[in-house]
C-alpha atoms as a PDB file:
ATOM      1  CA  UNK A   1      92.623-131.092  43.003  1.00  0.00           C
ATOM      2  CA  UNK A   2      95.241-132.638  40.734  1.00  0.00           C
ATOM      3  CA  UNK A   3      97.654-135.546  40.849  1.00  0.00           C
ATOM      4  CA  UNK A   4     100.196-133.411  38.981  1.00  0.00           C
ATOM      5  CA  UNK A   5     102.544-131.465  41.302  1.00  0.00           C
ATOM      6  CA  UNK A   6     101.574-127.893  40.588  1.00  0.00           C
ATOM      7  CA  UNK A   7     104.974-126.370  41.400  1.00  0.00           C
ATOM      8  CA  UNK A   8     104.995-122.601  41.134  1.00  0.00           C
ATOM      9  CA  UNK A   9     101.693-120.880  41.738  1.00  0.00           C
ATOM     10  CA  UNK A  10     100.259-118.176  39.520  1.00  0.00           C
ATOM     11  CA  UNK A  11     101.096-115.541  42.127  1.00  0.00           C
ATOM     12  CA  UNK A  12     104.703-116.717  42.389  1.00  0.00           C
ATOM     13  CA  UNK A  13     105.076-116.862  38.618  1.00  0.00           C
ATOM     14  CA  UNK A  14     103.764-113.334  38.023  1.00  0.00           C
ATOM     15  CA  UNK A  15     105.746-111.484  40.677  1.00  0.00           C
ATOM     16  CA  UNK A  16     107.145-108.135  39.545  1.00  0.00           C
ATOM     17  CA  UNK A  17     110.102-106.036  40.590  1.00  0.00           C
ATOM     18  CA  UNK A  18     109.783-102.305  39.969  1.00  0.00           C
ATOM     19  CA  UNK A  19     113.043-101.028  38.475  1.00  0.00           C
ATOM     20  CA  UNK A  20     111.765 -97.460  38.090  1.00  0.00           C
ATOM     21  CA  UNK A  21     108.450 -95.614  37.845  1.00  0.00           C
ATOM     22  CA  UNK A  22     107.948 -97.012  34.335  1.00  0.00           C
ATOM     23  CA  UNK A  23     109.967-100.253  34.130  1.00  0.00           C
ATOM     24  CA  UNK A  24     109.242-103.606  35.735  1.00  0.00           C
ATOM     25  CA  UNK A  25     110.955-106.987  35.681  1.00  0.00           C
ATOM     26  CA  UNK A  26     109.311-110.409  35.740  1.00  0.00           C
ATOM     27  CA  UNK A  27     110.710-113.933  35.697  1.00  0.00           C
ATOM     28  CA  UNK A  28     108.868-116.129  33.216  1.00  0.00           C
ATOM     29  CA  UNK A  29     108.579-119.636  34.637  1.00  0.00           C
ATOM     30  CA  UNK A  30     109.313-122.721  32.537  1.00  0.00           C
ATOM     31  CA  UNK A  31     106.340-124.410  34.221  1.00  0.00           C
ATOM     32  CA  UNK A  32     103.957-122.026  32.440  1.00  0.00           C
ATOM     33  CA  UNK A  33     105.312-122.747  28.945  1.00  0.00           C
ATOM     34  CA  UNK A  34     104.082-124.425  25.792  1.00  0.00           C
ATOM     35  CA  UNK A  35     107.223-126.200  24.635  1.00  0.00           C
ATOM     36  CA  UNK A  36     109.982-123.617  25.148  1.00  0.00           C
ATOM     37  CA  UNK A  37     107.685-120.581  24.863  1.00  0.00           C
ATOM     38  CA  UNK A  38     105.776-119.044  27.807  1.00  0.00           C
ATOM     39  CA  UNK A  39     102.057-119.573  27.286  1.00  0.00           C
ATOM     40  CA  UNK A  40     100.410-116.567  25.633  1.00  0.00           C
ATOM     41  CA  UNK A  41      97.691-116.285  28.264  1.00  0.00           C
ATOM     42  CA  UNK A  42     100.294-116.419  31.033  1.00  0.00           C
ATOM     43  CA  UNK A  43     102.243-113.630  29.321  1.00  0.00           C
ATOM     44  CA  UNK A  44      98.990-111.683  28.957  1.00  0.00           C
ATOM     45  CA  UNK A  45      98.375-112.048  32.687  1.00  0.00           C
ATOM     46  CA  UNK A  46     101.816-110.638  33.443  1.00  0.00           C
ATOM     47  CA  UNK A  47     100.920-107.642  31.265  1.00  0.00           C
ATOM     48  CA  UNK A  48      97.795-107.226  33.393  1.00  0.00           C
ATOM     49  CA  UNK A  49      99.926-107.415  36.546  1.00  0.00           C
ATOM     50  CA  UNK A  50     102.213-104.698  35.169  1.00  0.00           C
ATOM     51  CA  UNK A  51      99.209-102.481  34.439  1.00  0.00           C
ATOM     52  CA  UNK A  52      97.775-103.135  37.903  1.00  0.00           C
ATOM     53  CA  UNK A  53     101.037-102.259  39.629  1.00  0.00           C
ATOM     54  CA  UNK A  54     101.592 -99.196  37.443  1.00  0.00           C
ATOM     55  CA  UNK A  55      98.102 -97.829  38.121  1.00  0.00           C
ATOM     56  CA  UNK A  56      98.493 -98.707  41.798  1.00  0.00           C
ATOM     57  CA  UNK A  57     101.750 -96.767  42.154  1.00  0.00           C
ATOM     58  CA  UNK A  58     102.884 -94.376  39.439  1.00  0.00           C
ATOM     59  CA  UNK A  59      99.326 -93.524  38.343  1.00  0.00           C
ATOM     60  CA  UNK A  60      97.578 -94.106  41.675  1.00  0.00           C
ATOM     61  CA  UNK A  61      96.078 -90.577  41.654  1.00  0.00           C
ATOM     62  CA  UNK A  62      93.915 -91.590  38.712  1.00  0.00           C
ATOM     63  CA  UNK A  63      91.996 -94.086  40.874  1.00  0.00           C
ATOM     64  CA  UNK A  64      91.586 -96.384  37.865  1.00  0.00           C
ATOM     65  CA  UNK A  65      92.398 -99.868  39.186  1.00  0.00           C
ATOM     66  CA  UNK A  66      90.516-101.914  36.586  1.00  0.00           C
ATOM     67  CA  UNK A  67      91.723-102.859  33.122  1.00  0.00           C
ATOM     68  CA  UNK A  68      88.742-102.596  30.774  1.00  0.00           C
ATOM     69  CA  UNK A  69      90.516-103.252  27.460  1.00  0.00           C
ATOM     70  CA  UNK A  70      93.737-104.896  26.314  1.00  0.00           C
ATOM     71  CA  UNK A  71      95.368-105.337  22.924  1.00  0.00           C
ATOM     72  CA  UNK A  72      98.621-107.284  22.457  1.00  0.00           C
ATOM     73  CA  UNK A  73     100.727-108.009  19.365  1.00  0.00           C
ATOM     74  CA  UNK A  74     103.089-110.970  19.701  1.00  0.00           C
ATOM     75  CA  UNK A  75     106.100-110.072  17.566  1.00  0.00           C
ATOM     76  CA  UNK A  76     108.577-112.787  18.509  1.00  0.00           C
ATOM     77  CA  UNK A  77     108.798-115.869  20.678  1.00  0.00           C
ATOM     78  CA  UNK A  78     109.258-115.186  24.357  1.00  0.00           C
ATOM     79  CA  UNK A  79     111.329-117.469  26.586  1.00  0.00           C
ATOM     80  CA  UNK A  80     111.597-118.521  30.206  1.00  0.00           C
ATOM     81  CA  UNK A  81     113.731-116.197  32.303  1.00  0.00           C
ATOM     82  CA  UNK A  82     113.968-112.452  32.957  1.00  0.00           C
ATOM     83  CA  UNK A  83     111.514-110.206  31.107  1.00  0.00           C
ATOM     84  CA  UNK A  84     111.613-106.413  31.024  1.00  0.00           C
ATOM     85  CA  UNK A  85     108.376-104.416  30.779  1.00  0.00           C
ATOM     86  CA  UNK A  86     108.656-100.771  29.769  1.00  0.00           C
ATOM     87  CA  UNK A  87     105.591 -98.563  30.215  1.00  0.00           C
ATOM     88  CA  UNK A  88     104.745 -95.344  28.406  1.00  0.00           C
ATOM     89  CA  UNK A  89     101.813 -93.236  29.594  1.00  0.00           C
ATOM     90  CA  UNK A  90      99.891 -92.480  26.402  1.00  0.00           C
ATOM     91  CA  UNK A  91      96.690 -90.785  27.556  1.00  0.00           C
ATOM     92  CA  UNK A  92      95.851 -89.883  31.142  1.00  0.00           C
ATOM     93  CA  UNK A  93      92.173 -89.040  31.495  1.00  0.00           C
ATOM     94  CA  UNK A  94      89.427 -88.551  34.041  1.00  0.00           C
ATOM     95  CA  UNK A  95      87.361 -91.563  32.962  1.00  0.00           C
ATOM     96  CA  UNK A  96      89.937 -93.749  31.208  1.00  0.00           C
ATOM     97  CA  UNK A  97      93.707 -93.806  30.836  1.00  0.00           C
ATOM     98  CA  UNK A  98      95.811 -95.649  28.261  1.00  0.00           C
ATOM     99  CA  UNK A  99      99.341 -96.998  28.633  1.00  0.00           C
ATOM    100  CA  UNK A 100     101.658 -98.685  26.127  1.00  0.00           C
ATOM    101  CA  UNK A 101     103.770-101.603  27.331  1.00  0.00           C
ATOM    102  CA  UNK A 102     106.739-103.199  25.597  1.00  0.00           C
ATOM    103  CA  UNK A 103     108.025-106.611  26.679  1.00  0.00           C
ATOM    104  CA  UNK A 104     111.655-107.248  25.803  1.00  0.00           C
ATOM    105  CA  UNK A 105     114.126-110.056  26.489  1.00  0.00           C
ATOM    106  CA  UNK A 106     117.818-110.116  25.621  1.00  0.00           C
ATOM    107  CA  UNK A 107     117.424-106.856  23.732  1.00  0.00           C
ATOM    108  CA  UNK A 108     114.518-108.171  21.603  1.00  0.00           C
ATOM    109  CA  UNK A 109     111.137-106.464  21.577  1.00  0.00           C
ATOM    110  CA  UNK A 110     108.821-109.461  21.723  1.00  0.00           C
ATOM    111  CA  UNK A 111     105.320-108.321  22.694  1.00  0.00           C
ATOM    112  CA  UNK A 112     103.791-104.837  22.555  1.00  0.00           C
ATOM    113  CA  UNK A 113     100.398-103.727  23.738  1.00  0.00           C
ATOM    114  CA  UNK A 114      97.964-101.038  24.756  1.00  0.00           C
ATOM    115  CA  UNK A 115      96.012-101.305  27.992  1.00  0.00           C
ATOM    116  CA  UNK A 116      93.086 -99.090  29.004  1.00  0.00           C
ATOM    117  CA  UNK A 117      92.168 -98.684  32.671  1.00  0.00           C
ATOM    118  CA  UNK A 118      89.163 -97.193  34.408  1.00  0.00           C
ATOM    119  CA  UNK A 119      87.197 -97.675  37.614  1.00  0.00           C
ATOM    120  CA  UNK A 120      84.340-100.132  37.109  1.00  0.00           C
ATOM    121  CA  UNK A 121      82.928 -99.363  40.557  1.00  0.00           C
ATOM    122  CA  UNK A 122      82.330 -95.692  39.695  1.00  0.00           C
ATOM    123  CA  UNK A 123      81.226 -96.090  36.066  1.00  0.00           C
ATOM    124  CA  UNK A 124      77.954 -94.339  35.327  1.00  0.00           C
ATOM    125  CA  UNK A 125      75.807 -94.091  32.221  1.00  0.00           C
ATOM    126  CA  UNK A 126      73.041 -95.735  30.215  1.00  0.00           C
ATOM    127  CA  UNK A 127      72.558 -99.457  30.645  1.00  0.00           C
ATOM    128  CA  UNK A 128      70.234-101.822  28.768  1.00  0.00           C
ATOM    129  CA  UNK A 129      69.590-105.542  28.972  1.00  0.00           C
ATOM    130  CA  UNK A 130      70.422-106.919  25.528  1.00  0.00           C
ATOM    131  CA  UNK A 131      69.114-110.406  26.458  1.00  0.00           C
ATOM    132  CA  UNK A 132      72.316-111.930  25.093  1.00  0.00           C
ATOM    133  CA  UNK A 133      72.735-115.645  25.693  1.00  0.00           C
ATOM    134  CA  UNK A 134      74.982-118.411  24.423  1.00  0.00           C
ATOM    135  CA  UNK A 135      73.550-120.277  21.450  1.00  0.00           C
ATOM    136  CA  UNK A 136      73.331-123.197  21.747  1.00  0.00           C
ATOM    137  CA  UNK A 137      73.218-123.018  25.544  1.00  0.00           C
ATOM    138  CA  UNK A 138      75.795-125.081  27.436  1.00  0.00           C
ATOM    139  CA  UNK A 139      74.646-127.963  29.656  1.00  0.00           C
ATOM    140  CA  UNK A 140      73.455-127.005  33.122  1.00  0.00           C
ATOM    141  CA  UNK A 141      75.977-127.263  35.945  1.00  0.00           C
ATOM    142  CA  UNK A 142      76.173-127.551  39.726  1.00  0.00           C
ATOM    143  CA  UNK A 143      79.453-126.012  40.841  1.00  0.00           C
ATOM    144  CA  UNK A 144      79.272-127.896  44.133  1.00  0.00           C
ATOM    145  CA  UNK A 145      79.035-131.225  42.295  1.00  0.00           C
ATOM    146  CA  UNK A 146      81.583-130.070  39.724  1.00  0.00           C
ATOM    147  CA  UNK A 147      84.164-129.678  42.493  1.00  0.00           C
ATOM    148  CA  UNK A 148      83.634-133.351  43.337  1.00  0.00           C
ATOM    149  CA  UNK A 149      83.553-134.428  39.662  1.00  0.00           C
ATOM    150  CA  UNK A 150      80.002-135.641  40.222  1.00  0.00           C
ATOM    151  CA  UNK A 151      78.101-133.243  37.987  1.00  0.00           C
ATOM    152  CA  UNK A 152      75.804-135.194  35.667  1.00  0.00           C
ATOM    153  CA  UNK A 153      76.594-133.010  32.635  1.00  0.00           C
ATOM    154  CA  UNK A 154      80.307-132.253  33.004  1.00  0.00           C
ATOM    155  CA  UNK A 155      83.310-134.596  33.257  1.00  0.00           C
ATOM    156  CA  UNK A 156      86.810-133.803  34.377  1.00  0.00           C
ATOM    157  CA  UNK A 157      89.652-134.133  31.866  1.00  0.00           C
ATOM    158  CA  UNK A 158      92.527-135.986  33.482  1.00  0.00           C
ATOM    159  CA  UNK A 159      95.109-134.500  31.134  1.00  0.00           C
ATOM    160  CA  UNK A 160      95.069-132.326  28.038  1.00  0.00           C
ATOM    161  CA  UNK A 161      96.426-133.712  24.743  1.00  0.00           C
ATOM    162  CA  UNK A 162     100.244-133.472  24.509  1.00  0.00           C
ATOM    163  CA  UNK A 163     100.374-132.170  28.088  1.00  0.00           C
ATOM    164  CA  UNK A 164     104.099-132.886  28.407  1.00  0.00           C
ATOM    165  CA  UNK A 165     104.657-130.397  25.575  1.00  0.00           C
ATOM    166  CA  UNK A 166     101.907-128.050  26.778  1.00  0.00           C
ATOM    167  CA  UNK A 167     103.153-127.809  30.356  1.00  0.00           C
ATOM    168  CA  UNK A 168     101.024-124.747  31.130  1.00  0.00           C
ATOM    169  CA  UNK A 169      97.897-126.917  30.895  1.00  0.00           C
ATOM    170  CA  UNK A 170      98.917-128.680  34.114  1.00  0.00           C
ATOM    171  CA  UNK A 171      98.101-125.452  35.948  1.00  0.00           C
ATOM    172  CA  UNK A 172      94.382-125.873  35.296  1.00  0.00           C
ATOM    173  CA  UNK A 173      91.651-128.413  35.918  1.00  0.00           C
ATOM    174  CA  UNK A 174      89.210-128.750  33.027  1.00  0.00           C
ATOM    175  CA  UNK A 175      85.656-130.059  32.864  1.00  0.00           C
ATOM    176  CA  UNK A 176      84.030-130.718  29.475  1.00  0.00           C
ATOM    177  CA  UNK A 177      80.484-131.809  28.532  1.00  0.00           C
ATOM    178  CA  UNK A 178      79.975-135.514  29.226  1.00  0.00           C
ATOM    179  CA  UNK A 179      78.052-135.889  25.961  1.00  0.00           C
ATOM    180  CA  UNK A 180      80.810-134.206  23.987  1.00  0.00           C
ATOM    181  CA  UNK A 181      81.211-130.768  22.479  1.00  0.00           C
ATOM    182  CA  UNK A 182      78.224-129.496  20.494  1.00  0.00           C
ATOM    183  CA  UNK A 183      80.295-128.504  17.454  1.00  0.00           C
ATOM    184  CA  UNK A 184      83.743-129.146  16.022  1.00  0.00           C
ATOM    185  CA  UNK A 185      84.254-125.405  15.587  1.00  0.00           C
ATOM    186  CA  UNK A 186      83.535-124.527  19.221  1.00  0.00           C
ATOM    187  CA  UNK A 187      84.135-125.880  22.702  1.00  0.00           C
ATOM    188  CA  UNK A 188      82.799-125.267  26.205  1.00  0.00           C
ATOM    189  CA  UNK A 189      84.611-125.705  29.512  1.00  0.00           C
ATOM    190  CA  UNK A 190      84.472-125.034  33.219  1.00  0.00           C
ATOM    191  CA  UNK A 191      87.973-124.325  34.486  1.00  0.00           C
ATOM    192  CA  UNK A 192      89.733-123.770  37.797  1.00  0.00           C
ATOM    193  CA  UNK A 193      93.367-123.475  38.829  1.00  0.00           C
ATOM    194  CA  UNK A 194      95.059-126.696  39.954  1.00  0.00           C
ATOM    195  CA  UNK A 195      97.393-124.668  42.176  1.00  0.00           C
ATOM    196  CA  UNK A 196      94.675-124.117  44.779  1.00  0.00           C
ATOM    197  CA  UNK A 197      94.399-120.437  43.884  1.00  0.00           C
ATOM    198  CA  UNK A 198      91.294-118.647  42.683  1.00  0.00           C
ATOM    199  CA  UNK A 199      90.734-116.707  39.492  1.00  0.00           C
ATOM    200  CA  UNK A 200      91.405-112.976  39.800  1.00  0.00           C
ATOM    201  CA  UNK A 201      91.305-110.039  37.428  1.00  0.00           C
ATOM    202  CA  UNK A 202      95.000-110.642  36.672  1.00  0.00           C
ATOM    203  CA  UNK A 203      94.633-114.341  35.878  1.00  0.00           C
ATOM    204  CA  UNK A 204      91.794-113.651  33.424  1.00  0.00           C
ATOM    205  CA  UNK A 205      94.487-113.236  30.776  1.00  0.00           C
ATOM    206  CA  UNK A 206      95.352-116.906  31.224  1.00  0.00           C
ATOM    207  CA  UNK A 207      91.686-117.969  31.182  1.00  0.00           C
ATOM    208  CA  UNK A 208      91.118-116.117  27.904  1.00  0.00           C
ATOM    209  CA  UNK A 209      93.800-118.271  26.266  1.00  0.00           C
ATOM    210  CA  UNK A 210      93.382-121.669  27.953  1.00  0.00           C
ATOM    211  CA  UNK A 211      90.699-123.803  26.330  1.00  0.00           C
ATOM    212  CA  UNK A 212      90.255-126.612  23.794  1.00  0.00           C
ATOM    213  CA  UNK A 213      91.671-125.713  20.389  1.00  0.00           C
ATOM    214  CA  UNK A 214      88.863-126.255  17.818  1.00  0.00           C
ATOM    215  CA  UNK A 215      91.314-127.247  15.077  1.00  0.00           C
ATOM    216  CA  UNK A 216      92.121-130.473  16.955  1.00  0.00           C
ATOM    217  CA  UNK A 217      88.519-131.639  16.618  1.00  0.00           C
ATOM    218  CA  UNK A 218      89.095-131.700  12.849  1.00  0.00           C
ATOM    219  CA  UNK A 219      92.530-133.324  12.679  1.00  0.00           C
ATOM    220  CA  UNK A 220      91.846-136.173  15.147  1.00  0.00           C
ATOM    221  CA  UNK A 221      89.581-139.200  14.761  1.00  0.00           C
ATOM    222  CA  UNK A 222      87.580-138.124  17.818  1.00  0.00           C
ATOM    223  CA  UNK A 223      87.173-134.732  19.463  1.00  0.00           C
ATOM    224  CA  UNK A 224      89.732-134.921  22.301  1.00  0.00           C
ATOM    225  CA  UNK A 225      87.764-132.401  24.364  1.00  0.00           C
ATOM    226  CA  UNK A 226      84.515-134.243  24.967  1.00  0.00           C
ATOM    227  CA  UNK A 227      83.703-135.881  28.298  1.00  0.00           C
ATOM    228  CA  UNK A 228      82.431-138.929  26.426  1.00  0.00           C
ATOM    229  CA  UNK A 229      85.829-139.756  24.889  1.00  0.00           C
ATOM    230  CA  UNK A 230      88.478-138.578  27.303  1.00  0.00           C
ATOM    231  CA  UNK A 231      88.475-141.275  29.945  1.00  0.00           C
ATOM    232  CA  UNK A 232      89.270-144.007  27.437  1.00  0.00           C
ATOM    233  CA  UNK A 233      92.532-142.445  26.278  1.00  0.00           C
ATOM    234  CA  UNK A 234      94.478-142.940  29.525  1.00  0.00           C
ATOM    235  CA  UNK A 235      96.765-140.139  28.475  1.00  0.00           C
ATOM    236  CA  UNK A 236      97.786-141.905  25.240  1.00  0.00           C
ATOM    237  CA  UNK A 237      97.753-139.979  21.982  1.00  0.00           C
ATOM    238  CA  UNK A 238      96.351-141.311  18.740  1.00  0.00           C
ATOM    239  CA  UNK A 239      99.105-142.601  16.498  1.00  0.00           C
ATOM    240  CA  UNK A 240      99.879-140.409  13.522  1.00  0.00           C
ATOM    241  CA  UNK A 241      98.344-137.254  15.034  1.00  0.00           C
ATOM    242  CA  UNK A 242     100.653-134.350  14.345  1.00  0.00           C
ATOM    243  CA  UNK A 243     101.638-132.142  17.258  1.00  0.00           C
ATOM    244  CA  UNK A 244     100.854-128.516  16.482  1.00  0.00           C
ATOM    245  CA  UNK A 245     101.801-125.242  18.111  1.00  0.00           C
ATOM    246  CA  UNK A 246      99.312-122.389  17.984  1.00  0.00           C
ATOM    247  CA  UNK A 247     101.207-119.113  18.398  1.00  0.00           C
ATOM    248  CA  UNK A 248      99.086-116.026  18.987  1.00  0.00           C
ATOM    249  CA  UNK A 249      99.542-113.217  16.457  1.00  0.00           C
ATOM    250  CA  UNK A 250      97.329-110.761  18.309  1.00  0.00           C
ATOM    251  CA  UNK A 251      94.953-110.887  21.248  1.00  0.00           C
ATOM    252  CA  UNK A 252      92.228-108.519  22.458  1.00  0.00           C
ATOM    253  CA  UNK A 253      90.258-108.650  25.702  1.00  0.00           C
ATOM    254  CA  UNK A 254      87.206-106.586  26.654  1.00  0.00           C
ATOM    255  CA  UNK A 255      86.696-106.838  30.415  1.00  0.00           C
ATOM    256  CA  UNK A 256      83.029-106.597  31.400  1.00  0.00           C
ATOM    257  CA  UNK A 257      82.916-107.391  35.104  1.00  0.00           C
ATOM    258  CA  UNK A 258      85.580-107.230  37.824  1.00  0.00           C
ATOM    259  CA  UNK A 259      86.027-110.375  39.851  1.00  0.00           C
ATOM    260  CA  UNK A 260      85.767-110.063  43.648  1.00  0.00           C
ATOM    261  CA  UNK A 261      88.944-109.326  45.595  1.00  0.00           C
ATOM    262  CA  UNK A 262      88.984-112.855  46.996  1.00  0.00           C
ATOM    263  CA  UNK A 263      88.608-114.320  43.506  1.00  0.00           C
ATOM    264  CA  UNK A 264      86.346-117.117  42.270  1.00  0.00           C
ATOM    265  CA  UNK A 265      87.022-120.834  42.020  1.00  0.00           C
ATOM    266  CA  UNK A 266      85.304-121.588  38.695  1.00  0.00           C
ATOM    267  CA  UNK A 267      84.886-119.796  35.381  1.00  0.00           C
ATOM    268  CA  UNK A 268      83.109-120.885  32.219  1.00  0.00           C
ATOM    269  CA  UNK A 269      84.565-120.305  28.755  1.00  0.00           C
ATOM    270  CA  UNK A 270      83.318-120.897  25.229  1.00  0.00           C
ATOM    271  CA  UNK A 271      85.747-120.657  22.308  1.00  0.00           C
ATOM    272  CA  UNK A 272      84.641-120.605  18.674  1.00  0.00           C
ATOM    273  CA  UNK A 273      86.502-120.479  15.378  1.00  0.00           C
ATOM    274  CA  UNK A 274      84.665-118.985  12.412  1.00  0.00           C
ATOM    275  CA  UNK A 275      87.339-119.802   9.819  1.00  0.00           C
ATOM    276  CA  UNK A 276      90.444-122.003   9.795  1.00  0.00           C
ATOM    277  CA  UNK A 277      92.312-121.485   6.549  1.00  0.00           C
ATOM    278  CA  UNK A 278      95.916-121.732   5.358  1.00  0.00           C
ATOM    279  CA  UNK A 279      97.218-122.211   8.877  1.00  0.00           C
ATOM    280  CA  UNK A 280      95.524-119.089  10.257  1.00  0.00           C
ATOM    281  CA  UNK A 281      92.395-118.851  12.379  1.00  0.00           C
ATOM    282  CA  UNK A 282      90.201-116.513  14.368  1.00  0.00           C
ATOM    283  CA  UNK A 283      89.135-117.449  17.885  1.00  0.00           C
ATOM    284  CA  UNK A 284      86.245-115.783  19.735  1.00  0.00           C
ATOM    285  CA  UNK A 285      86.083-116.354  23.489  1.00  0.00           C
ATOM    286  CA  UNK A 286      83.299-115.668  25.995  1.00  0.00           C
ATOM    287  CA  UNK A 287      84.140-115.979  29.703  1.00  0.00           C
ATOM    288  CA  UNK A 288      81.335-116.142  32.276  1.00  0.00           C
ATOM    289  CA  UNK A 289      81.142-116.595  36.022  1.00  0.00           C
ATOM    290  CA  UNK A 290      78.983-118.953  38.057  1.00  0.00           C
ATOM    291  CA  UNK A 291      76.139-116.444  38.015  1.00  0.00           C
ATOM    292  CA  UNK A 292      76.023-116.444  34.226  1.00  0.00           C
ATOM    293  CA  UNK A 293      77.398-112.911  33.906  1.00  0.00           C
ATOM    294  CA  UNK A 294      79.852-112.063  31.148  1.00  0.00           C
ATOM    295  CA  UNK A 295      83.257-111.462  32.723  1.00  0.00           C
ATOM    296  CA  UNK A 296      85.315-110.955  29.556  1.00  0.00           C
ATOM    297  CA  UNK A 297      85.170-111.202  25.774  1.00  0.00           C
ATOM    298  CA  UNK A 298      88.298-112.010  23.799  1.00  0.00           C
ATOM    299  CA  UNK A 299      89.335-112.216  20.171  1.00  0.00           C
ATOM    300  CA  UNK A 300      92.489-113.898  18.859  1.00  0.00           C
ATOM    301  CA  UNK A 301      94.275-114.230  15.565  1.00  0.00           C
ATOM    302  CA  UNK A 302      96.433-117.359  15.759  1.00  0.00           C
ATOM    303  CA  UNK A 303      98.512-119.626  13.559  1.00  0.00           C
ATOM    304  CA  UNK A 304      98.740-123.415  13.420  1.00  0.00           C
ATOM    305  CA  UNK A 305     102.335-124.470  12.790  1.00  0.00           C
ATOM    306  CA  UNK A 306     104.532-127.464  13.455  1.00  0.00           C
ATOM    307  CA  UNK A 307     105.739-127.807  17.042  1.00  0.00           C
ATOM    308  CA  UNK A 308     109.299-127.758  15.690  1.00  0.00           C
ATOM    309  CA  UNK A 309     108.839-124.010  15.159  1.00  0.00           C
ATOM    310  CA  UNK A 310     108.345-123.647  18.886  1.00  0.00           C
ATOM    311  CA  UNK A 311     111.525-125.524  19.763  1.00  0.00           C
ATOM    312  CA  UNK A 312     113.771-124.140  17.011  1.00  0.00           C
ATOM    313  CA  UNK A 313     116.969-122.373  18.010  1.00  0.00           C
ATOM    314  CA  UNK A 314     116.505-118.652  18.455  1.00  0.00           C
ATOM    315  CA  UNK A 315     118.537-116.409  16.194  1.00  0.00           C
ATOM    316  CA  UNK A 316     120.197-113.507  17.956  1.00  0.00           C
ATOM    317  CA  UNK A 317     118.045-110.406  18.112  1.00  0.00           C
ATOM    318  CA  UNK A 318     115.298-111.552  15.756  1.00  0.00           C
ATOM    319  CA  UNK A 319     113.541-114.705  16.959  1.00  0.00           C
ATOM    320  CA  UNK A 320     110.253-114.371  15.122  1.00  0.00           C
ATOM    321  CA  UNK A 321     107.115-116.449  15.478  1.00  0.00           C
END
């Protein structure tokens, strides 16, 4: 699916070692980094893996295998290498349970979050069709033709802008509208893993943070995420375009539908920014499956800073974003 050697798979890069009933160790892979910092969506997925393992072992009696809500605060830059996850059981309930997870490296608390689990298969209660739909609607798609890069409305992106800096983007294959994005402030994509794996409930964290960054449609001469402009670039960047890093301040995900055990090959995502001001922006994300069902909704608060901030030397004990 990709000419880029995919190296470590998602599964390999999110493996956990249980150190006790409430502590787990991961090894953040350099291949899933933006610059020197593990990609925020990748880190989010490891949080989801920790929750899954914790509810599958320590809290298995709850029979609550599905994460339905996640909130993360990114306090400091993470780094490739060992990562310690410490879990605290906050509220254990019949319908939902809440845990608090702290990610630390080299004695630094770097990311903290709350995760709520339930059982989507046994949920019961009122349901109504709200008739929600994306506005404007995205172009129609044939997933069979998309896999062959022959869909009339969607074109494959050979490489994302500054991919050598944004190494984590190599792990995905992106398709954007052939006629270009419909707005500078939003972007649509169909995405699949370039590692040959399928999207699972755990990898949704990565999906919710891997899409075109709307700010780049404003700072470049042409929107770099439109199928009508990408094939002419041949991987070359426009001269004078500044390389930015977009660290996440906080991230929320509302999970609406569990993916099947075997996973799915393709997911659709729309990202939209309502305001970009003074280097800070909101990002609203809608993730849907091939049937048009909402899989997850996500909200981010992110910064736009120079890439030098990403690569700067970390100060002992307090490497802040």
